[in-house]
Amino acid sequence: MKPYIPIILAILLFTGFASFIRYKSSDSRKEVAAEKEIAKLEKEQKEKKTLLVRLRAKAEEAKAYSKEKGLSTKYCILIDFSIHSGKNRFFVWDFGKDTIKYESLCCHGYGQKSTQSKPVFSNVEGSYCSSLGKYKTGARSYSSWGINVHYKLHGLEKTNNNAFKRIVVLHSHTPVSTDEIYPNHLPLGWSQGCPVINNEVMRQCDALLKESKKPLLLWIYN
């Protein structure tokens, strides 16, 4: 055997072994990535189920309240400010289908010591804070923001009965994303206490509210 043949064979064996290791390593990374993606999807599905359970419980209360107060029993609006501001927390609920019809990101007021992650609530004029409680939708009017439409809101509880006087209205703002932005938060400064949503959902809400023969219940809770 020629003296260089064993060297060539060794090189070929080493190269093949190295390629095999790289292949297996790449394969392992793909498996780990796939497992992480599956775990992420499972977590998201679990969170969605938990959200629906919570929304259905609120919707049952909302429907009973709407019947009692002569409000629409077709739809209501639920705003859950306990949800991260980078996730959808504005929901138009379809009572008939018992599910979400539309959903959007929603800004909270920037007043007092509110932060991106934790709103401070107040019913005081000039506080620039969101107010918890039940409202009914009122007249449609012009807005300087978003799609140039807003709906008056009338507070129905002690926690929000200054809403109309404070000019707290439902409107949109063009910079509000149509997609969730989690783990990022919505910026502060886009709301002085108004529930502010994205333009697309505001258009859908506008069509729904114009068609509705009765005011809708809008319920902000935490």
N, C-alpha and C. Protein backbone atom coordinates (compact mmCIF):
# COMPACT_ATOMS: atom_id res chain seq x y z
N MET A 1 0.84 -1.19 0.00
CA MET A 1 0.00 0.00 0.00
C MET A 1 0.88 1.24 0.00
N LYS A 2 0.48 2.18 -0.83
CA LYS A 2 1.26 3.42 -0.90
C LYS A 2 1.11 4.20 0.40
N PRO A 3 2.18 4.87 0.85
CA PRO A 3 2.19 5.50 2.17
C PRO A 3 1.13 6.59 2.35
N TYR A 4 0.66 7.24 1.29
CA TYR A 4 -0.29 8.34 1.45
C TYR A 4 -1.74 7.86 1.51
N ILE A 5 -1.96 6.57 1.15
CA ILE A 5 -3.34 6.06 1.12
C ILE A 5 -3.98 6.04 2.51
N PRO A 6 -3.27 5.55 3.55
CA PRO A 6 -3.89 5.61 4.90
C PRO A 6 -4.24 7.02 5.33
N ILE A 7 -3.41 7.99 4.93
CA ILE A 7 -3.68 9.38 5.31
C ILE A 7 -4.97 9.86 4.64
N ILE A 8 -5.11 9.53 3.36
CA ILE A 8 -6.31 9.91 2.62
C ILE A 8 -7.55 9.27 3.24
N LEU A 9 -7.40 7.95 3.58
CA LEU A 9 -8.52 7.25 4.20
C LEU A 9 -8.90 7.88 5.54
N ALA A 10 -7.90 8.27 6.31
CA ALA A 10 -8.15 8.90 7.61
C ALA A 10 -8.87 10.23 7.43
N ILE A 11 -8.42 10.99 6.44
CA ILE A 11 -9.06 12.29 6.16
C ILE A 11 -10.51 12.10 5.77
N LEU A 12 -10.75 11.12 4.90
CA LEU A 12 -12.12 10.86 4.45
C LEU A 12 -13.01 10.41 5.60
N LEU A 13 -12.46 9.54 6.47
CA LEU A 13 -13.23 9.08 7.62
C LEU A 13 -13.55 10.23 8.56
N PHE A 14 -12.53 11.06 8.82
CA PHE A 14 -12.73 12.19 9.73
C PHE A 14 -13.76 13.17 9.17
N THR A 15 -13.64 13.46 7.86
CA THR A 15 -14.57 14.39 7.20
C THR A 15 -16.00 13.85 7.26
N GLY A 16 -16.13 12.56 7.01
CA GLY A 16 -17.46 11.94 7.06
C GLY A 16 -18.04 11.98 8.45
N PHE A 17 -17.17 11.69 9.44
CA PHE A 17 -17.63 11.70 10.83
C PHE A 17 -18.05 13.11 11.26
N ALA A 18 -17.24 14.10 10.85
CA ALA A 18 -17.55 15.49 11.18
C ALA A 18 -18.87 15.92 10.55
N SER A 19 -19.09 15.51 9.30
CA SER A 19 -20.34 15.85 8.61
C SER A 19 -21.53 15.21 9.31
N PHE A 20 -21.31 13.96 9.77
CA PHE A 20 -22.38 13.25 10.47
C PHE A 20 -22.73 13.97 11.78
N ILE A 21 -21.68 14.39 12.51
CA ILE A 21 -21.90 15.11 13.77
C ILE A 21 -22.66 16.41 13.52
N ARG A 22 -22.24 17.15 12.47
CA ARG A 22 -22.92 18.40 12.14
C ARG A 22 -24.38 18.15 11.78
N TYR A 23 -24.61 17.07 11.03
CA TYR A 23 -25.98 16.72 10.62
C TYR A 23 -26.84 16.41 11.84
N LYS A 24 -26.28 15.58 12.75
CA LYS A 24 -27.03 15.21 13.95
C LYS A 24 -27.28 16.43 14.84
N SER A 25 -26.25 17.28 14.92
CA SER A 25 -26.38 18.48 15.74
C SER A 25 -27.46 19.40 15.18
N SER A 26 -27.46 19.56 13.85
CA SER A 26 -28.48 20.39 13.19
C SER A 26 -29.86 19.79 13.39
N ASP A 27 -29.94 18.46 13.30
CA ASP A 27 -31.20 17.76 13.48
C ASP A 27 -31.72 17.96 14.90
N SER A 28 -30.81 17.91 15.88
CA SER A 28 -31.18 18.11 17.28
C SER A 28 -31.70 19.53 17.51
N ARG A 29 -31.04 20.51 16.89
CA ARG A 29 -31.49 21.90 17.04
C ARG A 29 -32.89 22.08 16.46
N LYS A 30 -33.16 21.43 15.34
CA LYS A 30 -34.48 21.51 14.73
C LYS A 30 -35.54 20.90 15.64
N GLU A 31 -35.19 19.78 16.27
CA GLU A 31 -36.13 19.12 17.18
C GLU A 31 -36.43 20.01 18.39
N VAL A 32 -35.39 20.63 18.95
CA VAL A 32 -35.56 21.52 20.09
C VAL A 32 -36.42 22.71 19.70
N ALA A 33 -36.15 23.29 18.51
CA ALA A 33 -36.94 24.42 18.03
C ALA A 33 -38.40 24.04 17.84
N ALA A 34 -38.63 22.84 17.29
CA ALA A 34 -40.00 22.36 17.07
C ALA A 34 -40.72 22.15 18.40
N GLU A 35 -40.01 21.59 19.38
CA GLU A 35 -40.60 21.38 20.71
C GLU A 35 -40.97 22.70 21.36
N LYS A 36 -40.10 23.71 21.21
CA LYS A 36 -40.38 25.03 21.76
C LYS A 36 -41.60 25.66 21.11
N GLU A 37 -41.71 25.51 19.79
CA GLU A 37 -42.85 26.07 19.06
C GLU A 37 -44.15 25.40 19.48
N ILE A 38 -44.10 24.07 19.67
CA ILE A 38 -45.29 23.33 20.12
C ILE A 38 -45.70 23.79 21.52
N ALA A 39 -44.70 23.95 22.40
CA ALA A 39 -44.98 24.41 23.77
C ALA A 39 -45.59 25.81 23.76
N LYS A 40 -45.07 26.67 22.88
CA LYS A 40 -45.59 28.04 22.75
C LYS A 40 -47.05 28.03 22.30
N LEU A 41 -47.35 27.21 21.28
CA LEU A 41 -48.71 27.13 20.76
C LEU A 41 -49.68 26.57 21.81
N GLU A 42 -49.21 25.58 22.55
CA GLU A 42 -50.04 24.98 23.60
C GLU A 42 -50.34 26.02 24.69
N LYS A 43 -49.32 26.82 25.04
CA LYS A 43 -49.50 27.86 26.04
C LYS A 43 -50.51 28.90 25.56
N GLU A 44 -50.39 29.31 24.29
CA GLU A 44 -51.30 30.30 23.72
C GLU A 44 -52.74 29.79 23.70
N GLN A 45 -52.90 28.50 23.34
CA GLN A 45 -54.24 27.91 23.30
C GLN A 45 -54.85 27.84 24.70
N LYS A 46 -54.01 27.51 25.68
CA LYS A 46 -54.48 27.45 27.06
C LYS A 46 -54.91 28.84 27.54
N GLU A 47 -54.12 29.87 27.19
CA GLU A 47 -54.45 31.24 27.58
C GLU A 47 -55.75 31.69 26.93
N LYS A 48 -55.96 31.32 25.65
CA LYS A 48 -57.19 31.69 24.95
C LYS A 48 -58.41 31.04 25.59
N LYS A 49 -58.26 29.76 26.00
CA LYS A 49 -59.37 29.07 26.65
C LYS A 49 -59.71 29.73 27.98
N THR A 50 -58.66 30.08 28.74
CA THR A 50 -58.87 30.75 30.03
C THR A 50 -59.55 32.10 29.83
N LEU A 51 -59.11 32.83 28.79
CA LEU A 51 -59.72 34.13 28.48
C LEU A 51 -61.19 33.97 28.14
N LEU A 52 -61.53 32.99 27.32
CA LEU A 52 -62.93 32.78 26.92
C LEU A 52 -63.80 32.43 28.12
N VAL A 53 -63.27 31.62 29.01
CA VAL A 53 -64.03 31.26 30.22
C VAL A 53 -64.33 32.52 31.03
N ARG A 54 -63.32 33.37 31.20
CA ARG A 54 -63.49 34.61 31.97
C ARG A 54 -64.47 35.56 31.27
N LEU A 55 -64.34 35.67 29.94
CA LEU A 55 -65.23 36.55 29.19
C LEU A 55 -66.67 36.07 29.23
N ARG A 56 -66.87 34.76 29.13
CA ARG A 56 -68.23 34.21 29.17
C ARG A 56 -68.90 34.50 30.52
N ALA A 57 -68.12 34.41 31.57
CA ALA A 57 -68.67 34.70 32.90
C ALA A 57 -69.11 36.16 32.98
N LYS A 58 -68.27 37.08 32.46
CA LYS A 58 -68.63 38.50 32.44
C LYS A 58 -69.82 38.74 31.52
N ALA A 59 -69.83 38.05 30.39
CA ALA A 59 -70.90 38.24 29.41
C ALA A 59 -72.26 37.82 29.97
N GLU A 60 -72.28 36.79 30.80
CA GLU A 60 -73.53 36.37 31.43
C GLU A 60 -74.07 37.48 32.33
N GLU A 61 -73.19 38.08 33.11
CA GLU A 61 -73.58 39.20 33.96
C GLU A 61 -74.03 40.39 33.10
N ALA A 62 -73.29 40.63 32.03
CA ALA A 62 -73.58 41.75 31.14
C ALA A 62 -74.95 41.60 30.48
N LYS A 63 -75.28 40.38 30.09
CA LYS A 63 -76.56 40.15 29.42
C LYS A 63 -77.72 40.39 30.38
N ALA A 64 -77.58 39.89 31.61
CA ALA A 64 -78.63 40.10 32.61
C ALA A 64 -78.81 41.59 32.91
N TYR A 65 -77.70 42.28 33.02
CA TYR A 65 -77.74 43.73 33.28
C TYR A 65 -78.37 44.47 32.10
N SER A 66 -78.00 44.09 30.89
CA SER A 66 -78.53 44.74 29.68
C SER A 66 -80.04 44.57 29.58
N LYS A 67 -80.52 43.37 29.90
CA LYS A 67 -81.97 43.13 29.89
C LYS A 67 -82.68 44.01 30.91
N GLU A 68 -82.10 44.08 32.10
CA GLU A 68 -82.69 44.86 33.18
C GLU A 68 -82.75 46.35 32.85
N LYS A 69 -81.69 46.86 32.16
CA LYS A 69 -81.59 48.30 31.89
C LYS A 69 -82.09 48.70 30.50
N GLY A 70 -82.61 47.76 29.74
CA GLY A 70 -83.14 48.08 28.42
C GLY A 70 -82.07 48.36 27.37
N LEU A 71 -80.90 47.78 27.56
CA LEU A 71 -79.80 47.93 26.59
C LEU A 71 -79.83 46.78 25.59
N SER A 72 -78.98 46.83 24.60
CA SER A 72 -78.94 45.80 23.57
C SER A 72 -78.67 44.42 24.18
N THR A 73 -79.42 43.44 23.73
CA THR A 73 -79.16 42.06 24.15
C THR A 73 -78.57 41.25 22.99
N LYS A 74 -78.09 41.98 21.98
CA LYS A 74 -77.38 41.33 20.88
C LYS A 74 -75.87 41.35 21.11
N TYR A 75 -75.40 42.52 21.55
CA TYR A 75 -73.96 42.68 21.74
C TYR A 75 -73.67 43.50 22.99
N CYS A 76 -72.46 43.34 23.51
CA CYS A 76 -71.94 44.26 24.51
C CYS A 76 -70.45 44.42 24.26
N ILE A 77 -69.83 45.36 24.95
CA ILE A 77 -68.39 45.59 24.83
C ILE A 77 -67.76 45.37 26.19
N LEU A 78 -66.78 44.47 26.24
CA LEU A 78 -66.07 44.15 27.47
C LEU A 78 -64.62 44.59 27.34
N ILE A 79 -64.13 45.34 28.32
CA ILE A 79 -62.74 45.81 28.31
C ILE A 79 -62.08 45.36 29.61
N ASP A 80 -61.11 44.48 29.48
CA ASP A 80 -60.44 43.89 30.65
C ASP A 80 -59.05 44.50 30.80
N PHE A 81 -58.93 45.49 31.69
CA PHE A 81 -57.66 46.17 31.88
C PHE A 81 -56.68 45.40 32.78
N SER A 82 -57.04 44.18 33.16
CA SER A 82 -56.07 43.32 33.85
C SER A 82 -55.16 42.62 32.84
N ILE A 83 -55.55 42.66 31.57
CA ILE A 83 -54.75 42.03 30.51
C ILE A 83 -53.62 42.96 30.09
N HIS A 84 -52.47 42.40 29.79
CA HIS A 84 -51.29 43.13 29.30
C HIS A 84 -51.70 44.03 28.13
N SER A 85 -51.23 45.29 28.13
CA SER A 85 -51.66 46.24 27.11
C SER A 85 -51.17 45.90 25.71
N GLY A 86 -50.22 44.98 25.61
CA GLY A 86 -49.76 44.54 24.30
C GLY A 86 -50.61 43.42 23.71
N LYS A 87 -51.63 42.99 24.48
CA LYS A 87 -52.55 41.96 24.01
C LYS A 87 -53.95 42.56 23.86
N ASN A 88 -54.76 41.92 23.06
CA ASN A 88 -56.13 42.38 22.88
C ASN A 88 -56.86 42.33 24.22
N ARG A 89 -57.53 43.44 24.56
CA ARG A 89 -58.29 43.47 25.81
C ARG A 89 -59.60 44.23 25.66
N PHE A 90 -59.94 44.57 24.43
CA PHE A 90 -61.22 45.17 24.05
C PHE A 90 -61.96 44.12 23.24
N PHE A 91 -63.18 43.76 23.70
CA PHE A 91 -63.91 42.67 23.05
C PHE A 91 -65.36 43.08 22.81
N VAL A 92 -65.80 42.95 21.57
CA VAL A 92 -67.23 43.05 21.28
C VAL A 92 -67.77 41.63 21.39
N TRP A 93 -68.69 41.44 22.33
CA TRP A 93 -69.20 40.10 22.60
C TRP A 93 -70.56 39.89 21.94
N ASP A 94 -70.68 38.78 21.22
CA ASP A 94 -71.92 38.41 20.55
C ASP A 94 -72.72 37.51 21.49
N PHE A 95 -73.81 38.05 22.05
CA PHE A 95 -74.60 37.27 22.99
C PHE A 95 -75.22 36.04 22.33
N GLY A 96 -75.67 36.19 21.09
CA GLY A 96 -76.32 35.08 20.39
C GLY A 96 -75.39 33.91 20.13
N LYS A 97 -74.18 34.21 19.70
CA LYS A 97 -73.21 33.15 19.40
C LYS A 97 -72.33 32.80 20.60
N ASP A 98 -72.47 33.59 21.67
CA ASP A 98 -71.71 33.37 22.91
C ASP A 98 -70.20 33.32 22.65
N THR A 99 -69.74 34.32 21.91
CA THR A 99 -68.31 34.37 21.60
C THR A 99 -67.88 35.78 21.21
N ILE A 100 -66.59 35.96 21.00
CA ILE A 100 -66.03 37.26 20.60
C ILE A 100 -66.37 37.54 19.14
N LYS A 101 -66.88 38.73 18.87
CA LYS A 101 -67.13 39.13 17.49
C LYS A 101 -65.95 39.93 16.94
N TYR A 102 -65.50 40.94 17.70
CA TYR A 102 -64.34 41.74 17.33
C TYR A 102 -63.45 41.91 18.56
N GLU A 103 -62.16 42.09 18.34
CA GLU A 103 -61.25 42.35 19.46
C GLU A 103 -60.12 43.26 19.02
N SER A 104 -59.57 44.00 19.98
CA SER A 104 -58.55 45.01 19.66
C SER A 104 -57.66 45.27 20.88
N LEU A 105 -56.49 45.79 20.60
CA LEU A 105 -55.71 46.43 21.64
C LEU A 105 -56.51 47.63 22.15
N CYS A 106 -56.25 48.05 23.38
CA CYS A 106 -57.01 49.18 23.93
C CYS A 106 -56.13 49.96 24.90
N CYS A 107 -56.02 51.26 24.66
CA CYS A 107 -55.21 52.12 25.53
C CYS A 107 -55.95 52.45 26.81
N HIS A 108 -55.20 52.64 27.88
CA HIS A 108 -55.77 53.18 29.11
C HIS A 108 -55.22 54.59 29.35
N GLY A 109 -55.87 55.33 30.23
CA GLY A 109 -55.48 56.72 30.49
C GLY A 109 -54.09 56.82 31.10
N TYR A 110 -53.42 57.92 30.80
CA TYR A 110 -52.03 58.09 31.26
C TYR A 110 -51.93 58.91 32.55
N GLY A 111 -53.07 59.31 33.12
CA GLY A 111 -53.07 60.24 34.24
C GLY A 111 -52.52 59.71 35.54
N GLN A 112 -52.26 60.66 36.44
CA GLN A 112 -51.73 60.38 37.78
C GLN A 112 -50.47 59.52 37.70
N LYS A 113 -50.46 58.37 38.35
CA LYS A 113 -49.25 57.55 38.33
C LYS A 113 -49.42 56.29 37.49
N SER A 114 -50.28 56.37 36.47
CA SER A 114 -50.45 55.24 35.56
C SER A 114 -49.13 54.93 34.85
N THR A 115 -48.90 53.65 34.61
CA THR A 115 -47.74 53.22 33.83
C THR A 115 -48.24 52.40 32.66
N GLN A 116 -47.32 52.02 31.78
CA GLN A 116 -47.70 51.19 30.65
C GLN A 116 -48.29 49.86 31.10
N SER A 117 -47.78 49.34 32.20
CA SER A 117 -48.21 48.02 32.66
C SER A 117 -49.31 48.07 33.72
N LYS A 118 -49.50 49.24 34.36
CA LYS A 118 -50.48 49.32 35.45
C LYS A 118 -51.24 50.64 35.41
N PRO A 119 -52.51 50.58 34.95
CA PRO A 119 -53.31 51.82 34.95
C PRO A 119 -53.77 52.20 36.35
N VAL A 120 -53.88 53.50 36.58
CA VAL A 120 -54.51 54.02 37.78
C VAL A 120 -55.90 54.51 37.37
N PHE A 121 -56.91 54.19 38.15
CA PHE A 121 -58.29 54.51 37.78
C PHE A 121 -58.82 55.68 38.60
N SER A 122 -59.56 56.54 37.96
CA SER A 122 -60.15 57.69 38.64
C SER A 122 -61.37 58.18 37.89
N ASN A 123 -62.30 58.77 38.64
CA ASN A 123 -63.52 59.35 38.06
C ASN A 123 -63.47 60.88 38.12
N VAL A 124 -62.32 61.41 38.50
CA VAL A 124 -62.18 62.85 38.75
C VAL A 124 -61.86 63.60 37.46
N GLU A 125 -62.53 64.74 37.26
CA GLU A 125 -62.23 65.57 36.09
C GLU A 125 -60.77 66.02 36.13
N GLY A 126 -60.12 65.98 34.98
CA GLY A 126 -58.74 66.41 34.88
C GLY A 126 -57.73 65.37 35.34
N SER A 127 -58.19 64.18 35.71
CA SER A 127 -57.26 63.13 36.16
C SER A 127 -56.57 62.43 34.99
N TYR A 128 -57.21 62.46 33.81
CA TYR A 128 -56.72 61.77 32.61
C TYR A 128 -56.54 60.27 32.84
N CYS A 129 -57.39 59.73 33.71
CA CYS A 129 -57.35 58.30 34.02
C CYS A 129 -58.57 57.60 33.43
N SER A 130 -58.44 56.31 33.20
CA SER A 130 -59.59 55.49 32.85
C SER A 130 -60.45 55.29 34.09
N SER A 131 -61.72 55.02 33.88
CA SER A 131 -62.66 54.78 34.98
C SER A 131 -63.27 53.39 34.84
N LEU A 132 -63.25 52.64 35.92
CA LEU A 132 -63.87 51.32 35.93
C LEU A 132 -65.39 51.46 35.99
N GLY A 133 -66.08 50.42 35.52
CA GLY A 133 -67.53 50.40 35.66
C GLY A 133 -68.28 50.19 34.36
N LYS A 134 -69.60 50.20 34.47
CA LYS A 134 -70.49 49.98 33.33
C LYS A 134 -70.90 51.33 32.73
N TYR A 135 -70.92 51.35 31.40
CA TYR A 135 -71.33 52.54 30.64
C TYR A 135 -72.40 52.10 29.63
N LYS A 136 -73.12 53.08 29.10
CA LYS A 136 -73.92 52.81 27.91
C LYS A 136 -73.43 53.73 26.80
N THR A 137 -73.45 53.19 25.57
CA THR A 137 -73.00 53.98 24.43
C THR A 137 -74.04 55.04 24.11
N GLY A 138 -73.54 56.20 23.67
CA GLY A 138 -74.42 57.32 23.35
C GLY A 138 -74.30 57.77 21.91
N ALA A 139 -74.43 59.07 21.70
CA ALA A 139 -74.48 59.63 20.34
C ALA A 139 -73.16 59.45 19.59
N ARG A 140 -73.30 59.30 18.29
CA ARG A 140 -72.15 59.25 17.37
C ARG A 140 -71.74 60.68 17.03
N SER A 141 -70.45 60.96 17.03
CA SER A 141 -70.00 62.32 16.76
C SER A 141 -68.63 62.31 16.08
N TYR A 142 -68.15 63.50 15.74
CA TYR A 142 -66.86 63.65 15.07
C TYR A 142 -65.71 63.50 16.06
N SER A 143 -64.65 62.86 15.61
CA SER A 143 -63.43 62.74 16.41
C SER A 143 -62.26 63.29 15.61
N SER A 144 -61.32 63.91 16.29
CA SER A 144 -60.10 64.39 15.65
C SER A 144 -59.10 63.25 15.41
N TRP A 145 -59.41 62.08 15.96
CA TRP A 145 -58.46 60.97 15.94
C TRP A 145 -58.98 59.80 15.12
N GLY A 146 -58.06 58.95 14.67
CA GLY A 146 -58.43 57.70 14.02
C GLY A 146 -59.31 57.88 12.80
N ILE A 147 -60.45 57.21 12.80
CA ILE A 147 -61.35 57.26 11.64
C ILE A 147 -62.30 58.46 11.72
N ASN A 148 -62.02 59.37 12.64
CA ASN A 148 -62.80 60.61 12.81
C ASN A 148 -64.24 60.37 13.26
N VAL A 149 -64.41 59.30 14.04
CA VAL A 149 -65.72 58.99 14.62
C VAL A 149 -65.52 58.65 16.09
N HIS A 150 -66.41 59.19 16.96
CA HIS A 150 -66.40 58.71 18.34
C HIS A 150 -67.83 58.52 18.82
N TYR A 151 -67.96 57.75 19.88
CA TYR A 151 -69.26 57.53 20.51
C TYR A 151 -69.21 58.00 21.95
N LYS A 152 -70.18 58.82 22.32
CA LYS A 152 -70.28 59.30 23.70
C LYS A 152 -70.49 58.11 24.63
N LEU A 153 -70.00 58.24 25.85
CA LEU A 153 -70.19 57.20 26.86
C LEU A 153 -70.81 57.81 28.11
N HIS A 154 -71.82 57.14 28.64
CA HIS A 154 -72.52 57.60 29.83
C HIS A 154 -72.24 56.61 30.96
N GLY A 155 -71.53 57.06 31.99
CA GLY A 155 -71.22 56.19 33.12
C GLY A 155 -72.46 55.88 33.93
N LEU A 156 -72.60 54.62 34.30
CA LEU A 156 -73.80 54.17 35.01
C LEU A 156 -73.55 53.83 36.48
N GLU A 157 -72.31 54.09 36.93
CA GLU A 157 -71.96 53.76 38.32
C GLU A 157 -71.21 54.92 38.97
N LYS A 158 -71.06 54.84 40.29
CA LYS A 158 -70.37 55.91 41.01
C LYS A 158 -68.91 56.03 40.58
N THR A 159 -68.35 54.95 40.09
CA THR A 159 -66.94 54.94 39.68
C THR A 159 -66.70 55.62 38.34
N ASN A 160 -67.80 55.90 37.57
CA ASN A 160 -67.61 56.46 36.23
C ASN A 160 -68.69 57.46 35.82
N ASN A 161 -69.46 57.94 36.80
CA ASN A 161 -70.59 58.80 36.45
C ASN A 161 -70.21 60.20 35.98
N ASN A 162 -68.93 60.49 35.96
CA ASN A 162 -68.47 61.77 35.38
C ASN A 162 -67.97 61.62 33.94
N ALA A 163 -68.13 60.43 33.37
CA ALA A 163 -67.56 60.14 32.05
C ALA A 163 -67.99 61.13 30.98
N PHE A 164 -69.29 61.41 30.90
CA PHE A 164 -69.78 62.31 29.86
C PHE A 164 -69.21 63.71 30.05
N LYS A 165 -69.19 64.16 31.29
CA LYS A 165 -68.65 65.49 31.62
C LYS A 165 -67.15 65.55 31.33
N ARG A 166 -66.45 64.44 31.52
CA ARG A 166 -65.00 64.37 31.27
C ARG A 166 -64.67 64.18 29.80
N ILE A 167 -65.71 64.03 28.97
CA ILE A 167 -65.55 63.75 27.52
C ILE A 167 -64.77 62.46 27.32
N VAL A 168 -65.12 61.45 28.11
CA VAL A 168 -64.58 60.11 27.92
C VAL A 168 -65.45 59.44 26.85
N VAL A 169 -64.85 59.12 25.71
CA VAL A 169 -65.58 58.59 24.57
C VAL A 169 -64.86 57.37 24.00
N LEU A 170 -65.56 56.59 23.22
CA LEU A 170 -64.96 55.47 22.49
C LEU A 170 -64.48 55.98 21.14
N HIS A 171 -63.18 55.85 20.88
CA HIS A 171 -62.66 56.28 19.58
C HIS A 171 -61.42 55.47 19.24
N SER A 172 -60.90 55.67 18.04
CA SER A 172 -59.68 54.97 17.60
C SER A 172 -58.54 55.96 17.45
N HIS A 173 -57.35 55.40 17.26
CA HIS A 173 -56.16 56.22 17.03
C HIS A 173 -55.28 55.46 16.05
N THR A 174 -54.90 56.11 14.97
CA THR A 174 -54.20 55.43 13.88
C THR A 174 -52.96 54.63 14.30
N PRO A 175 -52.12 55.12 15.23
CA PRO A 175 -50.94 54.33 15.61
C PRO A 175 -51.23 53.02 16.36
N VAL A 176 -52.46 52.83 16.85
CA VAL A 176 -52.75 51.59 17.57
C VAL A 176 -52.73 50.42 16.58
N SER A 177 -51.89 49.45 16.85
CA SER A 177 -51.69 48.33 15.93
C SER A 177 -52.93 47.45 15.81
N THR A 178 -53.12 46.87 14.64
CA THR A 178 -54.20 45.90 14.44
C THR A 178 -53.80 44.52 14.97
N ASP A 179 -52.51 44.34 15.23
CA ASP A 179 -52.00 43.07 15.75
C ASP A 179 -51.51 43.25 17.18
N GLU A 180 -51.52 42.18 17.92
CA GLU A 180 -50.98 42.22 19.27
C GLU A 180 -49.47 42.50 19.20
N ILE A 181 -48.96 43.23 20.18
CA ILE A 181 -47.55 43.63 20.17
C ILE A 181 -46.79 43.07 21.37
N TYR A 182 -47.43 42.20 22.13
CA TYR A 182 -46.80 41.55 23.29
C TYR A 182 -45.47 40.93 22.87
N PRO A 183 -44.41 41.04 23.67
CA PRO A 183 -44.34 41.50 25.06
C PRO A 183 -44.23 43.02 25.24
N ASN A 184 -44.25 43.78 24.13
CA ASN A 184 -44.23 45.24 24.25
C ASN A 184 -45.58 45.75 24.75
N HIS A 185 -45.55 46.90 25.41
CA HIS A 185 -46.77 47.55 25.87
C HIS A 185 -47.18 48.64 24.90
N LEU A 186 -48.46 49.02 24.92
CA LEU A 186 -48.89 50.23 24.23
C LEU A 186 -48.25 51.44 24.91
N PRO A 187 -47.86 52.44 24.14
CA PRO A 187 -47.30 53.65 24.76
C PRO A 187 -48.35 54.38 25.60
N LEU A 188 -47.91 55.06 26.63
CA LEU A 188 -48.79 55.98 27.35
C LEU A 188 -48.94 57.26 26.52
N GLY A 189 -50.00 58.00 26.76
CA GLY A 189 -50.15 59.29 26.09
C GLY A 189 -51.17 59.29 24.98
N TRP A 190 -51.71 58.13 24.62
CA TRP A 190 -52.71 58.06 23.56
C TRP A 190 -54.14 58.12 24.11
N SER A 191 -54.28 58.12 25.42
CA SER A 191 -55.61 58.16 26.03
C SER A 191 -55.58 59.05 27.26
N GLN A 192 -56.59 59.93 27.36
CA GLN A 192 -56.77 60.75 28.56
C GLN A 192 -57.91 60.19 29.41
N GLY A 193 -58.13 58.90 29.26
CA GLY A 193 -59.20 58.21 29.98
C GLY A 193 -60.16 57.48 29.06
N CYS A 194 -60.09 57.81 27.76
CA CYS A 194 -60.95 57.15 26.78
C CYS A 194 -60.45 55.75 26.47
N PRO A 195 -61.37 54.80 26.19
CA PRO A 195 -60.95 53.53 25.60
C PRO A 195 -60.61 53.78 24.13
N VAL A 196 -59.35 53.60 23.78
CA VAL A 196 -58.85 53.93 22.43
C VAL A 196 -58.42 52.64 21.74
N ILE A 197 -59.00 52.35 20.58
CA ILE A 197 -58.76 51.09 19.88
C ILE A 197 -58.19 51.33 18.49
N ASN A 198 -57.96 50.24 17.74
CA ASN A 198 -57.41 50.41 16.39
C ASN A 198 -58.50 50.80 15.39
N ASN A 199 -58.08 51.36 14.28
CA ASN A 199 -59.02 51.88 13.28
C ASN A 199 -59.92 50.82 12.69
N GLU A 200 -59.36 49.64 12.41
CA GLU A 200 -60.14 48.59 11.76
C GLU A 200 -61.32 48.16 12.63
N VAL A 201 -61.05 47.91 13.90
CA VAL A 201 -62.14 47.49 14.79
C VAL A 201 -63.10 48.64 15.05
N MET A 202 -62.60 49.87 15.06
CA MET A 202 -63.50 51.02 15.23
C MET A 202 -64.48 51.11 14.07
N ARG A 203 -64.02 50.83 12.87
CA ARG A 203 -64.93 50.83 11.71
C ARG A 203 -66.01 49.77 11.89
N GLN A 204 -65.61 48.60 12.37
CA GLN A 204 -66.57 47.52 12.59
C GLN A 204 -67.56 47.88 13.69
N CYS A 205 -67.04 48.49 14.76
CA CYS A 205 -67.92 48.93 15.85
C CYS A 205 -68.87 50.03 15.39
N ASP A 206 -68.37 50.92 14.55
CA ASP A 206 -69.20 52.01 14.03
C ASP A 206 -70.39 51.46 13.26
N ALA A 207 -70.12 50.48 12.39
CA ALA A 207 -71.21 49.87 11.61
C ALA A 207 -72.22 49.19 12.53
N LEU A 208 -71.70 48.49 13.54
CA LEU A 208 -72.58 47.77 14.46
C LEU A 208 -73.42 48.73 15.30
N LEU A 209 -72.78 49.78 15.80
CA LEU A 209 -73.48 50.74 16.65
C LEU A 209 -74.52 51.55 15.87
N LYS A 210 -74.21 51.86 14.62
CA LYS A 210 -75.18 52.60 13.79
C LYS A 210 -76.43 51.76 13.53
N GLU A 211 -76.25 50.45 13.42
CA GLU A 211 -77.38 49.55 13.14
C GLU A 211 -78.19 49.21 14.39
N SER A 212 -77.54 49.30 15.55
CA SER A 212 -78.20 48.88 16.78
C SER A 212 -79.35 49.82 17.15
N LYS A 213 -80.48 49.25 17.49
CA LYS A 213 -81.64 50.05 17.88
C LYS A 213 -81.57 50.49 19.34
N LYS A 214 -80.71 49.85 20.10
CA LYS A 214 -80.56 50.18 21.51
C LYS A 214 -79.09 50.46 21.83
N PRO A 215 -78.82 51.27 22.85
CA PRO A 215 -77.43 51.47 23.27
C PRO A 215 -76.81 50.15 23.72
N LEU A 216 -75.50 50.03 23.59
CA LEU A 216 -74.78 48.86 24.06
C LEU A 216 -74.20 49.12 25.44
N LEU A 217 -74.11 48.07 26.22
CA LEU A 217 -73.37 48.12 27.48
C LEU A 217 -71.88 48.04 27.14
N LEU A 218 -71.10 48.98 27.68
CA LEU A 218 -69.64 48.91 27.61
C LEU A 218 -69.16 48.82 29.05
N TRP A 219 -68.43 47.77 29.35
CA TRP A 219 -68.04 47.47 30.72
C TRP A 219 -66.52 47.41 30.83
N ILE A 220 -65.95 48.34 31.61
CA ILE A 220 -64.50 48.36 31.86
C ILE A 220 -64.26 47.77 33.24
N TYR A 221 -63.42 46.76 33.32
CA TYR A 221 -63.13 46.13 34.60
C TYR A 221 -61.65 45.75 34.66
N ASN A 222 -61.22 45.33 35.83
CA ASN A 222 -59.80 45.06 36.04
C ASN A 222 -59.62 43.75 36.81
